[in-house]
Each structure stands twice: as C-alpha cells, then as structure tokens.
C-alpha atoms as a PDB file:
ATOM      1  CA  MET A   1     -12.463 137.824  75.952  1.00  0.00           C
ATOM      2  CA  SER A   2      -9.883 140.253  74.556  1.00  0.00           C
ATOM      3  CA  SER A   3     -11.350 143.724  74.440  1.00  0.00           C
ATOM      4  CA  VAL A   4      -9.815 146.852  72.961  1.00  0.00           C
ATOM      5  CA  ILE A   5     -11.207 150.124  74.276  1.00  0.00           C
ATOM      6  CA  PHE A   6     -10.175 153.421  72.700  1.00  0.00           C
ATOM      7  CA  SER A   7     -12.766 155.579  74.446  1.00  0.00           C
ATOM      8  CA  ASP A   8     -16.256 155.329  75.901  1.00  0.00           C
ATOM      9  CA  TYR A   9     -17.581 155.195  72.319  1.00  0.00           C
ATOM     10  CA  ILE A  10     -15.018 153.071  70.468  1.00  0.00           C
ATOM     11  CA  HIS A  11     -14.441 149.511  71.575  1.00  0.00           C
ATOM     12  CA  PHE A  12     -14.501 146.039  70.097  1.00  0.00           C
ATOM     13  CA  THR A  13     -13.438 142.540  70.967  1.00  0.00           C
ATOM     14  CA  THR A  14     -10.451 140.900  69.301  1.00  0.00           C
ATOM     15  CA  ASP A  15     -11.860 137.403  69.824  1.00  0.00           C
ATOM     16  CA  GLU A  16     -12.683 137.323  66.091  1.00  0.00           C
ATOM     17  CA  VAL A  17      -8.971 137.522  65.224  1.00  0.00           C
ATOM     18  CA  THR A  18      -7.472 134.091  64.623  1.00  0.00           C
ATOM     19  CA  LYS A  19      -4.542 133.335  66.907  1.00  0.00           C
ATOM     20  CA  VAL A  20      -1.437 131.726  65.395  1.00  0.00           C
ATOM     21  CA  ALA A  21       0.813 129.374  67.335  1.00  0.00           C
ATOM     22  CA  GLY A  22       4.434 129.595  66.204  1.00  0.00           C
ATOM     23  CA  TYR A  23       5.650 131.575  63.210  1.00  0.00           C
ATOM     24  CA  PRO A  24       2.947 133.125  61.021  1.00  0.00           C
ATOM     25  CA  THR A  25       2.824 132.271  57.330  1.00  0.00           C
ATOM     26  CA  CYS A  26       1.946 134.691  54.523  1.00  0.00           C
ATOM     27  CA  SER A  27      -1.537 133.179  54.520  1.00  0.00           C
ATOM     28  CA  ASN A  28      -1.877 133.849  58.273  1.00  0.00           C
ATOM     29  CA  LEU A  29      -0.843 137.487  57.770  1.00  0.00           C
ATOM     30  CA  LYS A  30      -3.307 138.003  54.913  1.00  0.00           C
ATOM     31  CA  ASN A  31      -6.081 136.492  57.019  1.00  0.00           C
ATOM     32  CA  CYS A  32      -5.123 138.703  59.960  1.00  0.00           C
ATOM     33  CA  ARG A  33      -5.280 141.817  57.773  1.00  0.00           C
ATOM     34  CA  LYS A  34      -8.783 140.873  56.603  1.00  0.00           C
ATOM     35  CA  GLU A  35      -9.971 140.210  60.150  1.00  0.00           C
ATOM     36  CA  LEU A  36      -8.506 143.478  61.475  1.00  0.00           C
ATOM     37  CA  ALA A  37      -9.996 145.403  58.546  1.00  0.00           C
ATOM     38  CA  ALA A  38     -13.397 143.965  59.432  1.00  0.00           C
ATOM     39  CA  LEU A  39     -12.979 145.137  63.038  1.00  0.00           C
ATOM     40  CA  PHE A  40     -11.665 148.595  62.060  1.00  0.00           C
ATOM     41  CA  SER A  41     -14.532 149.064  59.612  1.00  0.00           C
ATOM     42  CA  THR A  42     -16.905 149.148  62.596  1.00  0.00           C
ATOM     43  CA  VAL A  43     -15.225 152.323  63.910  1.00  0.00           C
ATOM     44  CA  ASP A  44     -16.785 155.419  62.328  1.00  0.00           C
ATOM     45  CA  CYS A  45     -14.488 157.694  60.362  1.00  0.00           C
ATOM     46  CA  THR A  46     -15.221 161.289  59.377  1.00  0.00           C
ATOM     47  CA  ILE A  47     -12.614 161.396  56.592  1.00  0.00           C
ATOM     48  CA  PRO A  48     -14.656 161.535  53.342  1.00  0.00           C
ATOM     49  CA  GLU A  49     -12.309 159.275  51.345  1.00  0.00           C
ATOM     50  CA  ALA A  50     -12.874 156.427  53.835  1.00  0.00           C
ATOM     51  CA  LYS A  51     -16.530 156.360  52.746  1.00  0.00           C
ATOM     52  CA  THR A  52     -18.431 153.664  54.663  1.00  0.00           C
ATOM     53  CA  HIS A  53     -15.334 151.566  55.414  1.00  0.00           C
ATOM     54  CA  GLY A  54     -14.588 153.172  58.789  1.00  0.00           C
ATOM     55  CA  HIS A  55     -10.915 152.892  59.727  1.00  0.00           C
ATOM     56  CA  ALA A  56     -10.285 149.789  57.594  1.00  0.00           C
ATOM     57  CA  PHE A  57      -7.961 151.846  55.372  1.00  0.00           C
ATOM     58  CA  LEU A  58      -5.340 151.572  58.126  1.00  0.00           C
ATOM     59  CA  THR A  59      -4.833 147.877  57.340  1.00  0.00           C
ATOM     60  CA  TYR A  60      -4.280 148.180  53.578  1.00  0.00           C
ATOM     61  CA  THR A  61      -1.427 149.318  51.382  1.00  0.00           C
ATOM     62  CA  ASP A  62      -2.229 152.146  48.968  1.00  0.00           C
ATOM     63  CA  LEU A  63      -2.631 149.739  46.035  1.00  0.00           C
ATOM     64  CA  GLN A  64      -4.869 147.376  48.004  1.00  0.00           C
ATOM     65  CA  TRP A  65      -7.054 150.273  49.136  1.00  0.00           C
ATOM     66  CA  LEU A  66      -7.440 151.677  45.619  1.00  0.00           C
ATOM     67  CA  ALA A  67      -8.363 148.200  44.331  1.00  0.00           C
ATOM     68  CA  LYS A  68     -11.458 148.111  46.560  1.00  0.00           C
ATOM     69  CA  VAL A  69     -14.849 148.650  44.913  1.00  0.00           C
ATOM     70  CA  ASN A  70     -16.007 152.300  44.751  1.00  0.00           C
ATOM     71  CA  ILE A  71     -12.691 153.629  46.086  1.00  0.00           C
ATOM     72  CA  ALA A  72     -11.009 156.254  43.909  1.00  0.00           C
ATOM     73  CA  ALA A  73      -8.783 158.134  46.366  1.00  0.00           C
ATOM     74  CA  LEU A  74      -6.329 157.373  49.124  1.00  0.00           C
ATOM     75  CA  VAL A  75      -7.197 158.287  52.685  1.00  0.00           C
ATOM     76  CA  ALA A  76      -4.725 160.691  54.246  1.00  0.00           C
ATOM     77  CA  ALA A  77      -4.567 159.692  57.880  1.00  0.00           C
ATOM     78  CA  PRO A  78      -4.371 162.801  60.052  1.00  0.00           C
ATOM     79  CA  THR A  79      -1.087 163.275  61.861  1.00  0.00           C
ATOM     80  CA  LEU A  80      -2.772 164.922  64.842  1.00  0.00           C
ATOM     81  CA  PRO A  81      -6.367 163.664  64.829  1.00  0.00           C
ATOM     82  CA  GLY A  82      -7.437 165.032  68.207  1.00  0.00           C
ATOM     83  CA  ASP A  83     -10.213 163.327  70.127  1.00  0.00           C
ATOM     84  CA  LEU A  84     -11.266 159.882  68.942  1.00  0.00           C
ATOM     85  CA  ILE A  85     -14.918 160.808  68.736  1.00  0.00           C
END
C-alpha cells in the first residue's frame, strides 16, 4: 500500500494509480493525469474557482481546466498557501 500523507487531515493511497513498466506512452501519461486528478479531487480546496473539484486543477493545463463542465475561470494556485488545512 502506497500512502501519501500531507497532514493529519489530508492523506490518500496511490494504489489506484496504474504503474507502468518501462517507458510511458502518451496514453499512459493521459491515464495517469486522470487518476491523479481523481485523487486530488478528494482533497478539499478553499479557492472558489476550484468549485467542488478539490485540488484536481493542479493536474490540468489551463485549456484542459477551462474545458471542464461548469468551469469558467482558472484557479490561481497560491504561492505561499500556509497550512494545508
């Protein structure tokens, strides 16, 4: 079990992320982005533009983020966010 723990409140397992043996293909990278976005979406985010997607915005390019349903603005990631919770 691969577990990532950011604090007492933010943790998840990376077992859901598909492992790739050898060199990753473009398809592998796209799949990885989707899987990581699903994990990051479980971490609450107080930035209003993230809406209910948690921290999934970290895995997308600006164009990919804006193409999502009900998303009309980019999320400006804070440069000095402070505590994680």
